[in-house]
């Protein structure tokens, strides 16, 4: 009886609310070897500031405290087709998180700071000789509360997909065909 009451009592206590919600959307990005062209030159880690893969997402905090985002840690799976060598976060100094720190607000939470952010979160560099395949990784946020206590989010999964070279040609041809059909349809008066 005592054990049953203990279990019922434990079930009645609400679980602590999460301080943070964090997601990557879309979680899968498709690119050719070398990365995707970024017209604004937003790639900060690669040798070419115009080619990388940029992941967007949302970060939201509860509004009971101020939180300072201190970094994002990316881990690519060692079982990826490249063994973790060609599709990666090329951060020159671990922990510097240049792209993340340049794009995401540093303080969030209680008003007047924003409680949430949606937009670019991090970049992944793709070497021009990366073999086709699915490259899996996780992103984890590091942050502190107003008391300086460090926190780490739960890992969020993401994927970089490099299709076979023939597939890129087929996708390009299909897109060109759709654009041609759309232009023809718009050119014909109703």
N, C-alpha and C. Protein backbone atom coordinates (compact mmCIF):
# COMPACT_ATOMS: atom_id res chain seq x y z
N UNK A 1 0.81 -1.19 0.00
CA UNK A 1 0.00 0.00 0.00
C UNK A 1 0.86 1.26 0.00
N UNK A 2 1.88 1.25 0.85
CA UNK A 2 2.75 2.40 0.96
C UNK A 2 3.44 2.67 -0.38
N UNK A 3 3.88 1.60 -1.04
CA UNK A 3 4.55 1.74 -2.34
C UNK A 3 3.59 2.32 -3.38
N UNK A 4 2.34 1.86 -3.37
CA UNK A 4 1.34 2.37 -4.31
C UNK A 4 1.10 3.85 -4.08
N UNK A 5 1.03 4.28 -2.81
CA UNK A 5 0.84 5.70 -2.51
C UNK A 5 2.05 6.52 -2.97
N UNK A 6 3.25 5.96 -2.77
CA UNK A 6 4.46 6.66 -3.22
C UNK A 6 4.44 6.85 -4.72
N UNK A 7 4.05 5.82 -5.45
CA UNK A 7 4.00 5.91 -6.91
C UNK A 7 2.95 6.93 -7.33
N UNK A 8 1.75 6.89 -6.70
CA UNK A 8 0.71 7.86 -7.03
C UNK A 8 1.16 9.29 -6.71
N UNK A 9 1.82 9.48 -5.58
CA UNK A 9 2.31 10.80 -5.21
C UNK A 9 3.35 11.29 -6.22
N UNK A 10 4.26 10.42 -6.63
CA UNK A 10 5.30 10.79 -7.60
C UNK A 10 4.68 11.15 -8.94
N UNK A 11 3.61 10.47 -9.32
CA UNK A 11 2.95 10.76 -10.59
C UNK A 11 2.22 12.10 -10.52
N UNK A 12 1.81 12.55 -9.33
CA UNK A 12 1.07 13.80 -9.19
C UNK A 12 1.98 15.02 -9.26
N UNK A 13 3.28 14.85 -9.05
CA UNK A 13 4.21 15.97 -9.11
C UNK A 13 4.53 16.25 -10.57
N UNK A 14 4.26 17.47 -11.03
CA UNK A 14 4.53 17.75 -12.44
C UNK A 14 6.03 17.73 -12.71
N UNK A 15 6.37 17.27 -13.89
CA UNK A 15 7.78 17.27 -14.30
C UNK A 15 8.24 18.70 -14.50
N UNK A 16 9.51 19.01 -14.23
CA UNK A 16 9.98 20.37 -14.44
C UNK A 16 9.87 20.75 -15.91
N UNK A 17 9.47 21.98 -16.14
CA UNK A 17 9.34 22.47 -17.52
C UNK A 17 10.72 22.62 -18.14
N UNK A 18 10.79 22.34 -19.40
CA UNK A 18 12.06 22.48 -20.11
C UNK A 18 12.36 23.97 -20.28
N UNK A 19 13.60 24.33 -20.09
CA UNK A 19 14.00 25.72 -20.28
C UNK A 19 14.05 26.10 -21.76
N UNK A 20 14.22 25.11 -22.61
CA UNK A 20 14.55 25.38 -24.00
C UNK A 20 13.86 24.40 -24.92
N UNK A 21 13.38 24.92 -26.05
CA UNK A 21 12.99 24.05 -27.16
C UNK A 21 13.89 24.43 -28.33
N UNK A 22 14.31 23.43 -29.08
CA UNK A 22 15.31 23.63 -30.12
C UNK A 22 15.02 22.63 -31.23
N UNK A 23 14.93 23.11 -32.48
CA UNK A 23 14.76 22.19 -33.60
C UNK A 23 15.49 22.71 -34.82
N UNK A 24 15.73 21.81 -35.75
CA UNK A 24 16.34 22.14 -37.04
C UNK A 24 15.29 21.83 -38.09
N UNK A 25 14.99 22.81 -38.94
CA UNK A 25 13.93 22.62 -39.94
C UNK A 25 14.27 23.36 -41.23
N UNK A 26 14.40 22.66 -42.34
CA UNK A 26 14.28 21.22 -42.48
C UNK A 26 15.52 20.53 -41.92
N UNK A 27 15.33 19.32 -41.45
CA UNK A 27 16.42 18.56 -40.83
C UNK A 27 17.30 17.88 -41.86
N UNK A 28 16.87 17.84 -43.13
CA UNK A 28 17.65 17.21 -44.20
C UNK A 28 17.91 18.25 -45.28
N UNK A 29 19.17 18.44 -45.64
CA UNK A 29 19.56 19.34 -46.72
C UNK A 29 20.26 18.51 -47.79
N UNK A 30 19.88 18.75 -49.05
CA UNK A 30 20.48 18.04 -50.19
C UNK A 30 21.45 18.99 -50.87
N UNK A 31 22.65 18.49 -51.18
CA UNK A 31 23.67 19.34 -51.80
C UNK A 31 24.57 18.50 -52.68
N UNK A 32 25.23 19.17 -53.59
CA UNK A 32 26.27 18.52 -54.39
C UNK A 32 27.58 18.53 -53.59
N UNK A 33 28.55 17.71 -53.97
CA UNK A 33 29.86 17.82 -53.32
C UNK A 33 30.36 19.26 -53.45
N UNK A 34 30.95 19.76 -52.39
CA UNK A 34 31.42 21.14 -52.38
C UNK A 34 30.46 22.08 -51.69
N UNK A 35 29.21 21.68 -51.51
CA UNK A 35 28.23 22.52 -50.82
C UNK A 35 27.29 23.22 -51.78
N UNK A 36 26.43 24.04 -51.22
CA UNK A 36 25.42 24.78 -51.96
C UNK A 36 25.84 26.24 -52.04
N UNK A 37 25.61 26.85 -53.19
CA UNK A 37 25.96 28.26 -53.38
C UNK A 37 25.12 29.14 -52.46
N UNK A 38 25.78 29.97 -51.69
CA UNK A 38 25.12 30.93 -50.80
C UNK A 38 25.42 32.33 -51.35
N UNK A 39 24.47 32.95 -52.05
CA UNK A 39 24.76 34.21 -52.75
C UNK A 39 25.22 35.34 -51.85
N UNK A 40 24.87 35.30 -50.57
CA UNK A 40 25.30 36.38 -49.68
C UNK A 40 26.68 36.15 -49.11
N UNK A 41 27.34 35.05 -49.50
CA UNK A 41 28.67 34.76 -48.98
C UNK A 41 28.64 34.45 -47.49
N UNK A 42 27.55 33.83 -47.02
CA UNK A 42 27.36 33.60 -45.60
C UNK A 42 28.17 32.50 -44.98
N UNK A 43 28.90 31.73 -45.76
CA UNK A 43 29.69 30.63 -45.20
C UNK A 43 30.93 31.20 -44.53
N UNK A 44 31.09 30.91 -43.25
CA UNK A 44 32.21 31.49 -42.52
C UNK A 44 33.37 30.53 -42.31
N UNK A 45 33.11 29.22 -42.37
CA UNK A 45 34.16 28.28 -42.02
C UNK A 45 34.95 27.79 -43.22
N UNK A 46 34.29 27.66 -44.37
CA UNK A 46 34.97 27.06 -45.52
C UNK A 46 35.93 28.03 -46.17
N UNK A 47 36.80 27.51 -47.00
CA UNK A 47 37.73 28.35 -47.74
C UNK A 47 37.01 29.23 -48.74
N UNK A 48 35.88 28.79 -49.27
CA UNK A 48 35.08 29.57 -50.21
C UNK A 48 33.86 30.09 -49.47
N UNK A 49 33.73 31.42 -49.30
CA UNK A 49 32.63 31.95 -48.50
C UNK A 49 31.26 31.79 -49.15
N UNK A 50 31.19 31.21 -50.36
CA UNK A 50 29.92 31.09 -51.04
C UNK A 50 29.39 29.66 -51.11
N UNK A 51 30.13 28.66 -50.62
CA UNK A 51 29.68 27.27 -50.71
C UNK A 51 29.75 26.57 -49.36
N UNK A 52 28.59 26.13 -48.87
CA UNK A 52 28.46 25.35 -47.65
C UNK A 52 27.00 24.90 -47.58
N UNK A 53 26.60 24.29 -46.50
CA UNK A 53 25.20 23.95 -46.27
C UNK A 53 24.79 24.66 -44.99
N UNK A 54 23.72 25.45 -45.06
CA UNK A 54 23.25 26.20 -43.90
C UNK A 54 21.94 25.60 -43.43
N UNK A 55 21.87 25.30 -42.14
CA UNK A 55 20.66 24.76 -41.53
C UNK A 55 19.94 25.85 -40.74
N UNK A 56 18.63 25.91 -40.93
CA UNK A 56 17.78 26.83 -40.18
C UNK A 56 17.10 26.07 -39.07
N UNK A 57 16.50 26.82 -38.16
CA UNK A 57 15.74 26.19 -37.09
C UNK A 57 15.17 27.21 -36.14
N UNK A 58 14.68 26.72 -35.02
CA UNK A 58 14.05 27.58 -34.02
C UNK A 58 14.62 27.25 -32.65
N UNK A 59 14.87 28.31 -31.88
CA UNK A 59 15.29 28.19 -30.49
C UNK A 59 14.29 29.02 -29.69
N UNK A 60 13.72 28.45 -28.64
CA UNK A 60 12.80 29.19 -27.78
C UNK A 60 13.08 28.84 -26.33
N UNK A 61 13.06 29.87 -25.48
CA UNK A 61 13.27 29.70 -24.04
C UNK A 61 11.99 30.02 -23.31
N UNK A 62 11.88 29.52 -22.07
CA UNK A 62 10.78 29.99 -21.24
C UNK A 62 11.06 31.45 -20.92
N UNK A 63 10.08 32.17 -20.48
CA UNK A 63 10.26 33.61 -20.27
C UNK A 63 10.40 33.98 -18.80
N UNK A 64 10.89 33.04 -18.00
CA UNK A 64 11.06 33.31 -16.58
C UNK A 64 12.46 33.76 -16.20
N UNK A 65 13.38 33.81 -17.16
CA UNK A 65 14.76 34.14 -16.85
C UNK A 65 15.46 34.58 -18.13
N UNK A 66 16.62 35.17 -17.99
CA UNK A 66 17.47 35.49 -19.15
C UNK A 66 18.40 34.32 -19.39
N UNK A 67 18.68 34.04 -20.66
CA UNK A 67 19.59 32.96 -21.02
C UNK A 67 20.58 33.50 -22.04
N UNK A 68 21.83 33.10 -21.90
CA UNK A 68 22.86 33.51 -22.84
C UNK A 68 23.31 32.28 -23.61
N UNK A 69 23.16 32.35 -24.93
CA UNK A 69 23.62 31.26 -25.79
C UNK A 69 25.13 31.37 -25.91
N UNK A 70 25.84 30.31 -25.57
CA UNK A 70 27.31 30.37 -25.58
C UNK A 70 27.93 29.58 -26.72
N UNK A 71 27.15 28.75 -27.41
CA UNK A 71 27.72 28.02 -28.54
C UNK A 71 26.85 26.88 -28.99
N UNK A 72 27.25 26.29 -30.08
CA UNK A 72 26.57 25.11 -30.61
C UNK A 72 27.65 24.08 -30.95
N UNK A 73 27.40 22.85 -30.57
CA UNK A 73 28.35 21.78 -30.85
C UNK A 73 27.76 20.86 -31.90
N UNK A 74 28.50 20.65 -32.98
CA UNK A 74 28.07 19.76 -34.06
C UNK A 74 28.94 18.52 -34.03
N UNK A 75 28.31 17.36 -34.13
CA UNK A 75 29.04 16.10 -34.16
C UNK A 75 28.53 15.32 -35.36
N UNK A 76 29.44 15.01 -36.28
CA UNK A 76 29.09 14.18 -37.44
C UNK A 76 29.39 12.73 -37.07
N UNK A 77 28.54 11.84 -37.53
CA UNK A 77 28.69 10.43 -37.22
C UNK A 77 29.95 9.85 -37.87
N UNK A 78 30.70 9.07 -37.10
CA UNK A 78 31.90 8.41 -37.65
C UNK A 78 31.53 7.34 -38.65
N UNK A 79 30.25 6.92 -38.66
CA UNK A 79 29.82 5.89 -39.62
C UNK A 79 29.37 6.49 -40.95
N UNK A 80 29.49 7.80 -41.12
CA UNK A 80 29.14 8.43 -42.40
C UNK A 80 30.05 7.92 -43.50
N UNK A 81 29.62 8.04 -44.78
CA UNK A 81 30.43 7.51 -45.89
C UNK A 81 31.87 8.02 -45.94
N UNK A 82 32.12 9.20 -45.36
CA UNK A 82 33.48 9.76 -45.38
C UNK A 82 34.23 9.49 -44.08
N UNK A 83 33.62 8.78 -43.14
CA UNK A 83 34.27 8.53 -41.85
C UNK A 83 34.41 9.79 -41.02
N UNK A 84 33.61 10.83 -41.32
CA UNK A 84 33.66 12.08 -40.57
C UNK A 84 34.75 13.03 -41.01
N UNK A 85 35.28 12.86 -42.22
CA UNK A 85 36.41 13.69 -42.65
C UNK A 85 36.07 14.76 -43.69
N UNK A 86 35.00 14.58 -44.48
CA UNK A 86 34.76 15.48 -45.60
C UNK A 86 33.48 16.30 -45.51
N UNK A 87 32.55 15.89 -44.68
CA UNK A 87 31.32 16.65 -44.44
C UNK A 87 31.32 16.95 -42.96
N UNK A 88 31.61 18.21 -42.60
CA UNK A 88 31.85 18.51 -41.20
C UNK A 88 31.71 19.98 -40.90
N UNK A 89 31.63 20.26 -39.61
CA UNK A 89 31.73 21.63 -39.12
C UNK A 89 33.22 21.93 -39.08
N UNK A 90 33.66 22.78 -39.96
CA UNK A 90 35.08 23.06 -40.12
C UNK A 90 35.56 24.16 -39.19
N UNK A 91 34.95 24.29 -38.03
CA UNK A 91 35.33 25.36 -37.12
C UNK A 91 36.82 25.29 -36.83
N UNK A 92 37.56 26.37 -37.18
CA UNK A 92 39.01 26.33 -36.97
C UNK A 92 39.40 26.16 -35.50
N UNK A 93 38.67 26.80 -34.61
CA UNK A 93 38.94 26.68 -33.19
C UNK A 93 37.70 26.11 -32.52
N UNK A 94 37.73 24.88 -32.04
CA UNK A 94 36.53 24.32 -31.43
C UNK A 94 35.96 25.27 -30.39
N UNK A 95 34.66 25.45 -30.45
CA UNK A 95 33.99 26.36 -29.51
C UNK A 95 33.83 27.76 -30.04
N UNK A 96 34.44 28.10 -31.19
CA UNK A 96 34.30 29.48 -31.68
C UNK A 96 32.96 29.69 -32.36
N UNK A 97 32.37 28.66 -32.99
CA UNK A 97 31.02 28.71 -33.54
C UNK A 97 30.72 30.01 -34.27
N UNK A 98 31.60 30.44 -35.15
CA UNK A 98 31.49 31.74 -35.80
C UNK A 98 30.13 31.97 -36.43
N UNK A 99 29.65 31.08 -37.27
CA UNK A 99 28.39 31.28 -37.97
C UNK A 99 27.23 31.41 -36.97
N UNK A 100 27.18 30.52 -36.01
CA UNK A 100 26.12 30.53 -34.99
C UNK A 100 26.14 31.86 -34.22
N UNK A 101 27.30 32.26 -33.73
CA UNK A 101 27.39 33.47 -32.92
C UNK A 101 27.12 34.74 -33.72
N UNK A 102 27.37 34.73 -35.04
CA UNK A 102 27.10 35.90 -35.87
C UNK A 102 25.63 36.04 -36.23
N UNK A 103 24.85 34.96 -36.16
CA UNK A 103 23.48 35.00 -36.64
C UNK A 103 22.40 34.87 -35.58
N UNK A 104 22.71 34.26 -34.45
CA UNK A 104 21.69 34.01 -33.43
C UNK A 104 21.87 35.01 -32.30
N UNK A 105 20.75 35.60 -31.79
CA UNK A 105 20.90 36.55 -30.68
C UNK A 105 21.57 35.90 -29.48
N UNK A 106 22.41 36.64 -28.80
CA UNK A 106 23.16 36.10 -27.68
C UNK A 106 22.34 35.92 -26.42
N UNK A 107 21.39 36.82 -26.17
CA UNK A 107 20.57 36.75 -24.96
C UNK A 107 19.12 36.56 -25.34
N UNK A 108 18.47 35.64 -24.68
CA UNK A 108 17.05 35.36 -24.95
C UNK A 108 16.34 35.08 -23.64
N UNK A 109 15.01 35.05 -23.71
CA UNK A 109 14.23 34.68 -22.54
C UNK A 109 13.29 35.77 -22.10
N UNK A 110 13.51 36.27 -20.89
CA UNK A 110 12.62 37.24 -20.28
C UNK A 110 12.62 38.57 -21.04
N UNK A 111 11.46 39.21 -21.14
CA UNK A 111 11.32 40.49 -21.83
C UNK A 111 12.25 41.51 -21.17
N UNK A 112 12.91 42.38 -21.91
CA UNK A 112 12.72 42.75 -23.31
C UNK A 112 13.50 41.89 -24.31
N UNK A 113 14.24 40.90 -23.85
CA UNK A 113 14.96 40.03 -24.78
C UNK A 113 13.95 39.15 -25.52
N UNK A 114 14.24 38.78 -26.77
CA UNK A 114 13.30 37.90 -27.47
C UNK A 114 13.23 36.53 -26.80
N UNK A 115 12.05 35.95 -26.78
CA UNK A 115 11.88 34.62 -26.17
C UNK A 115 12.20 33.52 -27.17
N UNK A 116 12.22 33.88 -28.48
CA UNK A 116 12.50 32.86 -29.48
C UNK A 116 13.24 33.45 -30.67
N UNK A 117 13.86 32.57 -31.42
CA UNK A 117 14.58 32.94 -32.64
C UNK A 117 14.29 31.87 -33.68
N UNK A 118 13.99 32.29 -34.90
CA UNK A 118 13.84 31.38 -36.02
C UNK A 118 14.68 31.93 -37.16
N UNK A 119 15.57 31.13 -37.69
CA UNK A 119 16.43 31.56 -38.79
C UNK A 119 17.64 30.66 -38.90
N UNK A 120 18.69 31.16 -39.58
CA UNK A 120 19.90 30.35 -39.76
C UNK A 120 20.56 30.03 -38.41
N UNK A 121 20.96 28.75 -38.25
CA UNK A 121 21.59 28.33 -36.99
C UNK A 121 23.06 27.97 -37.15
N UNK A 122 23.35 27.12 -38.13
CA UNK A 122 24.74 26.66 -38.26
C UNK A 122 25.01 26.26 -39.69
N UNK A 123 26.30 26.16 -39.99
CA UNK A 123 26.73 25.71 -41.32
C UNK A 123 27.53 24.43 -41.20
N UNK A 124 27.45 23.66 -42.27
CA UNK A 124 28.25 22.44 -42.39
C UNK A 124 28.99 22.56 -43.71
N UNK A 125 30.27 22.31 -43.70
CA UNK A 125 31.08 22.36 -44.92
C UNK A 125 31.13 20.99 -45.56
N UNK A 126 31.10 20.98 -46.89
CA UNK A 126 31.11 19.75 -47.66
C UNK A 126 32.29 19.83 -48.63
N UNK A 127 33.25 18.95 -48.49
CA UNK A 127 34.42 18.95 -49.37
C UNK A 127 33.98 18.61 -50.80
N UNK A 128 34.70 19.14 -51.77
CA UNK A 128 34.34 18.89 -53.18
C UNK A 128 34.54 17.42 -53.57
N UNK A 129 35.30 16.66 -52.79
CA UNK A 129 35.50 15.24 -53.10
C UNK A 129 34.72 14.32 -52.16
N UNK A 130 33.68 14.87 -51.50
CA UNK A 130 32.85 14.05 -50.61
C UNK A 130 32.06 13.05 -51.43
N UNK A 131 32.09 11.76 -51.06
CA UNK A 131 31.35 10.75 -51.82
C UNK A 131 29.84 10.89 -51.59
N UNK A 132 29.03 10.43 -52.56
CA UNK A 132 27.58 10.45 -52.39
C UNK A 132 27.17 9.64 -51.17
N UNK A 133 26.08 10.05 -50.54
CA UNK A 133 25.55 9.31 -49.40
C UNK A 133 24.81 10.21 -48.44
N UNK A 134 24.37 9.60 -47.36
CA UNK A 134 23.67 10.31 -46.30
C UNK A 134 24.64 10.52 -45.15
N UNK A 135 24.77 11.78 -44.72
CA UNK A 135 25.70 12.15 -43.66
C UNK A 135 24.88 12.64 -42.47
N UNK A 136 24.97 11.90 -41.36
CA UNK A 136 24.16 12.21 -40.20
C UNK A 136 24.99 12.95 -39.15
N UNK A 137 24.32 13.88 -38.46
CA UNK A 137 24.98 14.62 -37.40
C UNK A 137 23.99 15.03 -36.33
N UNK A 138 24.52 15.56 -35.23
CA UNK A 138 23.68 16.12 -34.17
C UNK A 138 24.20 17.50 -33.79
N UNK A 139 23.27 18.35 -33.38
CA UNK A 139 23.60 19.69 -32.90
C UNK A 139 23.12 19.81 -31.46
N UNK A 140 23.95 20.38 -30.61
CA UNK A 140 23.62 20.58 -29.20
C UNK A 140 23.94 22.01 -28.83
N UNK A 141 22.99 22.69 -28.19
CA UNK A 141 23.20 24.08 -27.77
C UNK A 141 23.78 24.14 -26.36
N UNK A 142 24.69 25.08 -26.15
CA UNK A 142 25.22 25.38 -24.83
C UNK A 142 24.73 26.76 -24.44
N UNK A 143 24.26 26.90 -23.20
CA UNK A 143 23.77 28.20 -22.75
C UNK A 143 23.87 28.29 -21.23
N UNK A 144 23.77 29.50 -20.72
CA UNK A 144 23.78 29.73 -19.29
C UNK A 144 22.54 30.51 -18.90
N UNK A 145 22.10 30.34 -17.64
CA UNK A 145 20.99 31.13 -17.13
C UNK A 145 21.55 32.40 -16.51
N UNK A 146 20.68 33.26 -15.98
CA UNK A 146 21.14 34.55 -15.44
C UNK A 146 22.07 34.39 -14.25
N UNK A 147 22.02 33.25 -13.59
CA UNK A 147 22.92 32.99 -12.47
C UNK A 147 24.27 32.44 -12.90
N UNK A 148 24.48 32.29 -14.22
CA UNK A 148 25.74 31.78 -14.73
C UNK A 148 25.83 30.26 -14.73
N UNK A 149 24.73 29.59 -14.44
CA UNK A 149 24.73 28.12 -14.42
C UNK A 149 24.70 27.59 -15.86
N UNK A 150 25.64 26.71 -16.22
CA UNK A 150 25.68 26.19 -17.59
C UNK A 150 24.61 25.12 -17.83
N UNK A 151 24.09 25.11 -19.05
CA UNK A 151 23.10 24.12 -19.47
C UNK A 151 23.45 23.64 -20.87
N UNK A 152 23.01 22.45 -21.20
CA UNK A 152 23.19 21.89 -22.54
C UNK A 152 21.86 21.32 -22.99
N UNK A 153 21.48 21.62 -24.24
CA UNK A 153 20.22 21.09 -24.77
C UNK A 153 20.35 19.61 -25.10
N UNK A 154 19.23 19.00 -25.34
CA UNK A 154 19.25 17.64 -25.87
C UNK A 154 19.74 17.72 -27.31
N UNK A 155 20.43 16.69 -27.81
CA UNK A 155 20.91 16.73 -29.20
C UNK A 155 19.74 16.69 -30.19
N UNK A 156 19.89 17.44 -31.27
CA UNK A 156 18.92 17.47 -32.36
C UNK A 156 19.61 16.91 -33.60
N UNK A 157 18.95 15.98 -34.28
CA UNK A 157 19.55 15.33 -35.45
C UNK A 157 19.36 16.16 -36.72
N UNK A 158 20.34 16.07 -37.61
CA UNK A 158 20.24 16.67 -38.94
C UNK A 158 20.97 15.76 -39.93
N UNK A 159 20.76 16.01 -41.22
CA UNK A 159 21.35 15.17 -42.24
C UNK A 159 21.73 16.00 -43.46
N UNK A 160 22.91 15.73 -44.02
CA UNK A 160 23.33 16.27 -45.30
C UNK A 160 23.28 15.10 -46.29
N UNK A 161 22.56 15.27 -47.37
CA UNK A 161 22.40 14.21 -48.35
C UNK A 161 23.08 14.62 -49.65
N UNK A 162 24.05 13.83 -50.09
CA UNK A 162 24.74 14.07 -51.36
C UNK A 162 24.30 12.97 -52.31
N UNK A 163 23.42 13.31 -53.30
CA UNK A 163 22.93 12.28 -54.21
C UNK A 163 24.01 11.83 -55.18
N UNK A 164 23.77 10.69 -55.82
CA UNK A 164 24.65 10.20 -56.88
C UNK A 164 24.70 11.27 -57.98
N UNK A 165 25.83 11.43 -58.67
CA UNK A 165 25.94 12.47 -59.69
C UNK A 165 24.84 12.41 -60.74
N UNK A 166 24.43 11.25 -61.16
CA UNK A 166 23.36 11.13 -62.15
C UNK A 166 22.04 11.68 -61.64
N UNK A 167 21.79 11.54 -60.35
CA UNK A 167 20.54 12.04 -59.77
C UNK A 167 20.49 13.56 -59.81
N UNK A 168 21.64 14.23 -59.59
CA UNK A 168 21.66 15.69 -59.66
C UNK A 168 21.30 16.16 -61.05
N UNK A 169 21.79 15.47 -62.07
CA UNK A 169 21.46 15.82 -63.45
C UNK A 169 19.98 15.64 -63.72
N UNK A 170 19.40 14.56 -63.24
CA UNK A 170 17.97 14.32 -63.42
C UNK A 170 17.13 15.37 -62.71
N UNK A 171 17.51 15.71 -61.49
CA UNK A 171 16.77 16.74 -60.75
C UNK A 171 16.88 18.08 -61.48
N UNK A 172 18.07 18.43 -61.96
CA UNK A 172 18.26 19.67 -62.70
C UNK A 172 17.43 19.69 -63.98
N UNK A 173 17.41 18.58 -64.72
CA UNK A 173 16.63 18.51 -65.95
C UNK A 173 15.14 18.63 -65.65
N UNK A 174 14.68 18.00 -64.58
CA UNK A 174 13.26 18.09 -64.20
C UNK A 174 12.89 19.52 -63.84
N UNK A 175 13.75 20.20 -63.08
CA UNK A 175 13.47 21.60 -62.73
C UNK A 175 13.46 22.49 -63.97
N UNK A 176 14.41 22.29 -64.86
CA UNK A 176 14.43 23.08 -66.10
C UNK A 176 13.16 22.85 -66.90
N UNK A 177 12.69 21.60 -66.97
CA UNK A 177 11.46 21.30 -67.69
C UNK A 177 10.26 21.98 -67.06
N UNK A 178 10.17 21.96 -65.75
CA UNK A 178 9.06 22.63 -65.08
C UNK A 178 9.09 24.15 -65.30
N UNK A 179 10.25 24.73 -65.27
CA UNK A 179 10.38 26.18 -65.52
C UNK A 179 9.95 26.49 -66.95
N UNK A 180 10.37 25.67 -67.92
CA UNK A 180 10.01 25.88 -69.32
C UNK A 180 8.49 25.79 -69.50
N UNK A 181 7.86 24.77 -68.89
CA UNK A 181 6.41 24.60 -68.98
C UNK A 181 5.70 25.80 -68.37
N UNK A 182 6.18 26.28 -67.21
CA UNK A 182 5.56 27.42 -66.54
C UNK A 182 5.66 28.67 -67.41
N UNK A 183 6.81 28.91 -68.01
CA UNK A 183 6.98 30.09 -68.87
C UNK A 183 6.09 30.01 -70.11
N UNK A 184 5.98 28.84 -70.70
CA UNK A 184 5.10 28.67 -71.87
C UNK A 184 3.65 28.93 -71.49
N UNK A 185 3.25 28.40 -70.34
CA UNK A 185 1.87 28.58 -69.89
C UNK A 185 1.57 30.05 -69.64
N UNK A 186 2.52 30.80 -69.07
CA UNK A 186 2.31 32.22 -68.81
C UNK A 186 2.32 33.04 -70.10
N UNK A 187 3.04 32.56 -71.12
CA UNK A 187 3.13 33.31 -72.37
C UNK A 187 1.87 33.15 -73.23
N UNK A 188 1.09 32.11 -73.02
CA UNK A 188 -0.12 31.87 -73.81
C UNK A 188 -1.25 32.71 -73.22
N UNK A 189 -1.82 33.65 -74.04
CA UNK A 189 -2.91 34.48 -73.49
C UNK A 189 -4.15 33.63 -73.24
N UNK A 190 -4.88 34.01 -72.22
CA UNK A 190 -6.08 33.25 -71.83
C UNK A 190 -7.28 33.57 -72.69
